[in-house]
N, C-alpha and C. Protein backbone atom coordinates (compact mmCIF):
# COMPACT_ATOMS: atom_id res chain seq x y z
N MET A 1 -5.65 20.83 -54.64
CA MET A 1 -4.28 21.10 -54.29
C MET A 1 -3.54 19.76 -54.15
N PRO A 2 -2.45 19.57 -54.83
CA PRO A 2 -1.74 18.29 -54.77
C PRO A 2 -0.99 18.12 -53.44
N ALA A 3 -0.98 16.88 -52.92
CA ALA A 3 -0.27 16.58 -51.67
C ALA A 3 1.21 16.47 -51.93
N LEU A 4 2.02 16.94 -51.02
CA LEU A 4 3.48 16.84 -51.14
C LEU A 4 3.91 15.41 -50.88
N LEU A 5 4.86 14.92 -51.66
CA LEU A 5 5.37 13.57 -51.49
C LEU A 5 6.78 13.61 -50.94
N LEU A 6 7.06 12.75 -49.99
CA LEU A 6 8.39 12.64 -49.43
C LEU A 6 8.72 11.16 -49.35
N LYS A 7 9.62 10.70 -50.22
CA LYS A 7 10.00 9.29 -50.31
C LYS A 7 8.78 8.38 -50.45
N GLY A 8 7.89 8.75 -51.29
CA GLY A 8 6.73 7.91 -51.59
C GLY A 8 5.57 8.05 -50.63
N LYS A 9 5.68 8.89 -49.61
CA LYS A 9 4.59 9.06 -48.64
C LYS A 9 4.06 10.48 -48.74
N LYS A 10 2.81 10.59 -48.50
CA LYS A 10 2.22 11.92 -48.46
C LYS A 10 2.67 12.61 -47.19
N MET A 11 2.84 13.90 -47.26
CA MET A 11 3.33 14.68 -46.12
C MET A 11 2.40 14.55 -44.92
N ASN A 12 1.08 14.56 -45.12
CA ASN A 12 0.16 14.48 -43.97
C ASN A 12 0.22 13.12 -43.28
N GLU A 13 0.51 12.02 -44.03
CA GLU A 13 0.69 10.70 -43.41
C GLU A 13 1.95 10.67 -42.55
N LEU A 14 3.01 11.26 -43.06
CA LEU A 14 4.28 11.31 -42.35
C LEU A 14 4.16 12.11 -41.07
N VAL A 15 3.49 13.25 -41.15
CA VAL A 15 3.33 14.10 -39.98
C VAL A 15 2.47 13.41 -38.93
N SER A 16 1.41 12.75 -39.32
CA SER A 16 0.56 12.10 -38.34
C SER A 16 1.26 10.92 -37.67
N THR A 17 2.08 10.17 -38.41
CA THR A 17 2.84 9.07 -37.83
C THR A 17 3.86 9.60 -36.84
N GLU A 18 4.57 10.65 -37.23
CA GLU A 18 5.54 11.25 -36.32
C GLU A 18 4.87 11.81 -35.08
N ALA A 19 3.71 12.39 -35.26
CA ALA A 19 2.99 12.97 -34.13
C ALA A 19 2.59 11.89 -33.12
N VAL A 20 2.14 10.75 -33.64
CA VAL A 20 1.74 9.65 -32.76
C VAL A 20 2.96 9.11 -32.01
N VAL A 21 4.06 8.89 -32.71
CA VAL A 21 5.28 8.37 -32.08
C VAL A 21 5.77 9.35 -31.03
N LEU A 22 5.79 10.63 -31.37
CA LEU A 22 6.23 11.66 -30.43
C LEU A 22 5.31 11.72 -29.21
N ALA A 23 4.02 11.61 -29.43
CA ALA A 23 3.06 11.66 -28.32
C ALA A 23 3.24 10.48 -27.37
N VAL A 24 3.47 9.29 -27.94
CA VAL A 24 3.65 8.10 -27.11
C VAL A 24 4.90 8.22 -26.26
N PHE A 25 6.01 8.63 -26.85
CA PHE A 25 7.27 8.70 -26.11
C PHE A 25 7.35 9.88 -25.16
N SER A 26 6.54 10.88 -25.38
CA SER A 26 6.59 12.02 -24.48
C SER A 26 5.51 11.95 -23.40
N SER A 27 4.65 10.94 -23.48
CA SER A 27 3.57 10.86 -22.49
C SER A 27 4.12 10.45 -21.13
N THR A 28 3.56 11.04 -20.10
CA THR A 28 4.00 10.70 -18.74
C THR A 28 3.57 9.29 -18.37
N GLY A 29 2.48 8.82 -18.95
CA GLY A 29 2.00 7.48 -18.67
C GLY A 29 3.01 6.42 -19.05
N LEU A 30 3.63 6.57 -20.22
CA LEU A 30 4.63 5.60 -20.65
C LEU A 30 5.83 5.62 -19.73
N TRP A 31 6.31 6.80 -19.39
CA TRP A 31 7.49 6.90 -18.52
C TRP A 31 7.18 6.42 -17.11
N THR A 32 5.96 6.63 -16.66
CA THR A 32 5.56 6.11 -15.35
C THR A 32 5.56 4.59 -15.36
N LEU A 33 5.04 4.02 -16.43
CA LEU A 33 5.02 2.56 -16.57
C LEU A 33 6.43 1.99 -16.58
N ILE A 34 7.32 2.62 -17.35
CA ILE A 34 8.71 2.17 -17.42
C ILE A 34 9.38 2.31 -16.06
N ASN A 35 9.16 3.43 -15.38
CA ASN A 35 9.75 3.67 -14.06
C ASN A 35 9.25 2.64 -13.03
N ASN A 36 7.96 2.36 -13.04
CA ASN A 36 7.40 1.38 -12.10
C ASN A 36 7.97 -0.01 -12.36
N ALA A 37 8.12 -0.36 -13.64
CA ALA A 37 8.69 -1.67 -13.98
C ALA A 37 10.13 -1.76 -13.50
N TYR A 38 10.89 -0.69 -13.68
CA TYR A 38 12.28 -0.66 -13.24
C TYR A 38 12.37 -0.78 -11.72
N GLN A 39 11.56 0.00 -11.01
CA GLN A 39 11.59 -0.04 -9.55
C GLN A 39 11.17 -1.40 -9.03
N SER A 40 10.21 -2.01 -9.69
CA SER A 40 9.75 -3.34 -9.29
C SER A 40 10.87 -4.36 -9.43
N ARG A 41 11.60 -4.29 -10.54
CA ARG A 41 12.71 -5.22 -10.74
C ARG A 41 13.85 -4.95 -9.79
N ALA A 42 14.08 -3.69 -9.48
CA ALA A 42 15.19 -3.31 -8.60
C ALA A 42 14.82 -3.51 -7.13
N GLY A 43 13.57 -3.84 -6.85
CA GLY A 43 13.14 -4.05 -5.48
C GLY A 43 12.91 -2.76 -4.72
N LYS A 44 12.81 -1.65 -5.42
CA LYS A 44 12.58 -0.37 -4.77
C LYS A 44 11.09 -0.13 -4.59
N LYS A 45 10.75 0.58 -3.54
CA LYS A 45 9.35 0.92 -3.29
C LYS A 45 9.01 2.20 -4.03
N SER A 46 7.80 2.25 -4.55
CA SER A 46 7.34 3.47 -5.20
C SER A 46 7.00 4.49 -4.11
N VAL A 47 6.82 5.71 -4.53
CA VAL A 47 6.45 6.77 -3.59
C VAL A 47 5.11 6.43 -2.93
N GLU A 48 4.20 5.87 -3.72
CA GLU A 48 2.89 5.50 -3.17
C GLU A 48 3.01 4.41 -2.10
N GLN A 49 3.85 3.40 -2.36
CA GLN A 49 4.05 2.33 -1.38
C GLN A 49 4.68 2.88 -0.10
N THR A 50 5.65 3.77 -0.26
CA THR A 50 6.31 4.36 0.90
C THR A 50 5.32 5.19 1.70
N ALA A 51 4.47 5.95 1.00
CA ALA A 51 3.46 6.76 1.68
C ALA A 51 2.45 5.87 2.41
N LEU A 52 2.01 4.81 1.75
CA LEU A 52 1.06 3.89 2.37
C LEU A 52 1.67 3.22 3.60
N LEU A 53 2.92 2.81 3.48
CA LEU A 53 3.61 2.20 4.61
C LEU A 53 3.69 3.17 5.78
N GLY A 54 3.96 4.44 5.49
CA GLY A 54 4.01 5.46 6.54
C GLY A 54 2.66 5.65 7.22
N LEU A 55 1.59 5.67 6.43
CA LEU A 55 0.24 5.82 7.01
C LEU A 55 -0.14 4.62 7.86
N LEU A 56 0.18 3.42 7.37
CA LEU A 56 -0.11 2.22 8.15
C LEU A 56 0.68 2.20 9.45
N HIS A 57 1.94 2.60 9.38
CA HIS A 57 2.79 2.65 10.57
C HIS A 57 2.20 3.62 11.60
N ASP A 58 1.79 4.78 11.14
CA ASP A 58 1.21 5.77 12.05
C ASP A 58 -0.06 5.24 12.71
N ARG A 59 -0.90 4.60 11.93
CA ARG A 59 -2.16 4.05 12.46
C ARG A 59 -1.88 2.94 13.48
N ILE A 60 -0.94 2.06 13.16
CA ILE A 60 -0.59 0.98 14.09
C ILE A 60 -0.03 1.56 15.38
N TYR A 61 0.86 2.53 15.26
CA TYR A 61 1.47 3.16 16.43
C TYR A 61 0.41 3.80 17.32
N GLU A 62 -0.51 4.55 16.72
CA GLU A 62 -1.56 5.23 17.50
C GLU A 62 -2.48 4.23 18.18
N GLN A 63 -2.96 3.24 17.43
CA GLN A 63 -3.90 2.28 18.00
C GLN A 63 -3.24 1.42 19.07
N CYS A 64 -2.07 0.90 18.80
CA CYS A 64 -1.38 0.06 19.78
C CYS A 64 -1.08 0.84 21.05
N SER A 65 -0.63 2.07 20.91
CA SER A 65 -0.33 2.89 22.09
C SER A 65 -1.57 3.07 22.95
N LYS A 66 -2.71 3.28 22.30
CA LYS A 66 -3.98 3.45 23.04
C LYS A 66 -4.33 2.18 23.81
N TYR A 67 -4.25 1.03 23.16
CA TYR A 67 -4.62 -0.23 23.81
C TYR A 67 -3.64 -0.59 24.92
N ILE A 68 -2.36 -0.36 24.69
CA ILE A 68 -1.35 -0.67 25.70
C ILE A 68 -1.53 0.22 26.92
N ALA A 69 -1.81 1.50 26.70
CA ALA A 69 -2.04 2.42 27.82
C ALA A 69 -3.29 2.02 28.61
N ARG A 70 -4.31 1.57 27.89
CA ARG A 70 -5.56 1.17 28.54
C ARG A 70 -5.39 -0.17 29.26
N GLY A 71 -4.53 -1.02 28.75
CA GLY A 71 -4.26 -2.28 29.43
C GLY A 71 -5.08 -3.47 28.96
N ASP A 72 -5.94 -3.28 27.96
CA ASP A 72 -6.70 -4.40 27.41
C ASP A 72 -7.11 -4.06 25.98
N ILE A 73 -7.71 -5.04 25.32
CA ILE A 73 -8.16 -4.86 23.94
C ILE A 73 -9.39 -5.72 23.71
N SER A 74 -10.34 -5.20 22.95
CA SER A 74 -11.52 -6.00 22.62
C SER A 74 -11.20 -6.86 21.41
N SER A 75 -11.99 -7.88 21.19
CA SER A 75 -11.76 -8.75 20.04
C SER A 75 -11.95 -7.99 18.73
N GLU A 76 -12.93 -7.07 18.69
CA GLU A 76 -13.15 -6.28 17.49
C GLU A 76 -11.97 -5.35 17.22
N GLU A 77 -11.44 -4.74 18.27
CA GLU A 77 -10.27 -3.87 18.11
C GLU A 77 -9.07 -4.66 17.60
N HIS A 78 -8.89 -5.85 18.13
CA HIS A 78 -7.78 -6.69 17.71
C HIS A 78 -7.92 -7.10 16.25
N GLU A 79 -9.11 -7.46 15.87
CA GLU A 79 -9.35 -7.85 14.47
C GLU A 79 -9.10 -6.66 13.54
N ASN A 80 -9.57 -5.48 13.90
CA ASN A 80 -9.34 -4.29 13.10
C ASN A 80 -7.84 -4.00 12.98
N LEU A 81 -7.13 -4.13 14.08
CA LEU A 81 -5.68 -3.89 14.07
C LEU A 81 -4.98 -4.91 13.17
N TRP A 82 -5.46 -6.14 13.15
CA TRP A 82 -4.87 -7.17 12.30
C TRP A 82 -4.96 -6.76 10.82
N TYR A 83 -6.10 -6.19 10.43
CA TYR A 83 -6.29 -5.79 9.03
C TYR A 83 -5.40 -4.61 8.65
N ILE A 84 -4.89 -3.89 9.61
CA ILE A 84 -3.92 -2.82 9.35
C ILE A 84 -2.51 -3.40 9.37
N TYR A 85 -2.24 -4.27 10.33
CA TYR A 85 -0.90 -4.82 10.50
C TYR A 85 -0.48 -5.73 9.34
N LYS A 86 -1.39 -6.55 8.86
CA LYS A 86 -1.06 -7.53 7.81
C LYS A 86 -0.48 -6.87 6.56
N PRO A 87 -1.14 -5.87 5.94
CA PRO A 87 -0.52 -5.24 4.76
C PRO A 87 0.74 -4.46 5.11
N TYR A 88 0.79 -3.91 6.32
CA TYR A 88 2.00 -3.21 6.78
C TYR A 88 3.18 -4.18 6.74
N LYS A 89 2.99 -5.36 7.25
CA LYS A 89 4.06 -6.37 7.28
C LYS A 89 4.42 -6.82 5.86
N GLU A 90 3.40 -7.01 5.01
CA GLU A 90 3.64 -7.45 3.63
C GLU A 90 4.38 -6.39 2.82
N LEU A 91 4.21 -5.12 3.16
CA LEU A 91 4.92 -4.04 2.47
C LEU A 91 6.34 -3.86 3.00
N GLY A 92 6.70 -4.64 4.01
CA GLY A 92 8.07 -4.57 4.53
C GLY A 92 8.21 -3.66 5.74
N GLY A 93 7.15 -3.51 6.51
CA GLY A 93 7.19 -2.68 7.71
C GLY A 93 8.30 -3.09 8.66
N ASN A 94 8.78 -2.14 9.42
CA ASN A 94 9.96 -2.37 10.27
C ASN A 94 9.62 -2.99 11.62
N GLY A 95 10.60 -3.08 12.47
CA GLY A 95 10.47 -3.73 13.77
C GLY A 95 9.57 -3.02 14.75
N THR A 96 9.36 -1.72 14.58
CA THR A 96 8.48 -1.00 15.51
C THR A 96 7.08 -1.57 15.47
N GLY A 97 6.55 -1.77 14.27
CA GLY A 97 5.22 -2.35 14.13
C GLY A 97 5.15 -3.76 14.69
N ASP A 98 6.20 -4.54 14.45
CA ASP A 98 6.25 -5.92 14.99
C ASP A 98 6.26 -5.92 16.51
N ARG A 99 7.06 -5.02 17.09
CA ARG A 99 7.16 -4.94 18.55
C ARG A 99 5.81 -4.55 19.16
N LEU A 100 5.16 -3.55 18.57
CA LEU A 100 3.86 -3.11 19.09
C LEU A 100 2.80 -4.20 18.91
N TRP A 101 2.82 -4.87 17.77
CA TRP A 101 1.86 -5.96 17.52
C TRP A 101 2.03 -7.07 18.55
N ALA A 102 3.28 -7.42 18.83
CA ALA A 102 3.55 -8.47 19.82
C ALA A 102 3.07 -8.05 21.21
N GLU A 103 3.28 -6.79 21.54
CA GLU A 103 2.86 -6.28 22.85
C GLU A 103 1.34 -6.29 22.98
N VAL A 104 0.64 -5.91 21.92
CA VAL A 104 -0.83 -5.92 21.93
C VAL A 104 -1.35 -7.35 22.06
N ASN A 105 -0.65 -8.30 21.45
CA ASN A 105 -1.09 -9.70 21.54
C ASN A 105 -0.97 -10.27 22.94
N ARG A 106 -0.18 -9.63 23.79
CA ARG A 106 -0.06 -10.07 25.19
C ARG A 106 -1.12 -9.45 26.09
N LEU A 107 -1.87 -8.47 25.57
CA LEU A 107 -2.89 -7.81 26.38
C LEU A 107 -4.07 -8.74 26.64
N PRO A 108 -4.68 -8.60 27.81
CA PRO A 108 -5.87 -9.40 28.08
C PRO A 108 -7.08 -8.88 27.28
N LEU A 109 -8.05 -9.75 27.08
CA LEU A 109 -9.29 -9.38 26.43
C LEU A 109 -10.09 -8.48 27.37
N LYS A 110 -10.84 -7.55 26.83
CA LYS A 110 -11.63 -6.63 27.66
C LYS A 110 -12.52 -7.40 28.62
N GLU A 111 -12.63 -6.91 29.84
CA GLU A 111 -13.40 -7.58 30.89
C GLU A 111 -14.88 -7.75 30.53
N GLU A 112 -15.50 -6.73 29.88
CA GLU A 112 -16.92 -6.85 29.54
C GLU A 112 -17.17 -8.04 28.63
N GLU A 113 -16.26 -8.29 27.72
CA GLU A 113 -16.43 -9.41 26.80
C GLU A 113 -16.31 -10.74 27.55
N LYS A 114 -15.41 -10.79 28.52
CA LYS A 114 -15.26 -12.02 29.29
C LYS A 114 -16.52 -12.29 30.12
N LYS A 115 -17.05 -11.23 30.77
CA LYS A 115 -18.24 -11.39 31.62
C LYS A 115 -19.47 -11.76 30.81
N ASN A 116 -19.64 -11.12 29.64
CA ASN A 116 -20.83 -11.35 28.83
C ASN A 116 -20.70 -12.56 27.91
N GLY A 117 -19.54 -13.19 27.93
CA GLY A 117 -19.33 -14.33 27.06
C GLY A 117 -19.21 -13.94 25.60
N GLU A 118 -18.96 -12.66 25.33
CA GLU A 118 -18.84 -12.20 23.94
C GLU A 118 -17.51 -12.72 23.41
N GLY A 119 -16.53 -11.98 23.18
CA GLY A 119 -15.20 -12.40 22.80
C GLY A 119 -15.12 -13.64 21.94
N LYS A 120 -16.02 -13.80 20.98
CA LYS A 120 -16.02 -14.99 20.14
C LYS A 120 -14.80 -15.02 19.23
N TYR A 121 -14.31 -13.87 18.91
CA TYR A 121 -13.12 -13.75 18.07
C TYR A 121 -11.90 -14.08 18.90
N ARG A 122 -11.02 -14.91 18.42
CA ARG A 122 -9.83 -15.29 19.18
C ARG A 122 -8.60 -14.57 18.67
N LYS A 123 -7.87 -13.93 19.57
CA LYS A 123 -6.65 -13.24 19.21
C LYS A 123 -5.62 -14.21 18.64
N GLU A 124 -5.65 -15.44 19.10
CA GLU A 124 -4.65 -16.41 18.69
C GLU A 124 -4.69 -16.66 17.18
N ALA A 125 -5.82 -16.41 16.55
CA ALA A 125 -5.96 -16.68 15.12
C ALA A 125 -5.05 -15.80 14.28
N HIS A 126 -4.63 -14.66 14.80
CA HIS A 126 -3.85 -13.72 14.00
C HIS A 126 -2.46 -13.48 14.55
N LYS A 127 -1.91 -14.41 15.24
CA LYS A 127 -0.56 -14.22 15.79
C LYS A 127 0.49 -14.53 14.76
């Protein structure tokens, strides 16, 4: 069976080329990539960044409230909180996290650590 010709190209070559071009432009991956590049240039946060920032804020709020209510913090707790606070701040976290972080930094080290000479980790390292 002879292949149909359209302007010097076989019909099946033309259809496959069009199919590939159509698939690329209709793929969600391409549009997601374009959208992320646009948001990055515009300085906008993606939905994922906003969600992560919200989760970090919630965790900081819960942990800081617990330590402030208790009146002290262990060096391990402080170090763990630092690893949550640092990316929160880098993502543009607001003043609530900063205020709570500052308040936790004023808390005394847990008494057991002072008595046992543990407390090798220094809070001052992460201020």
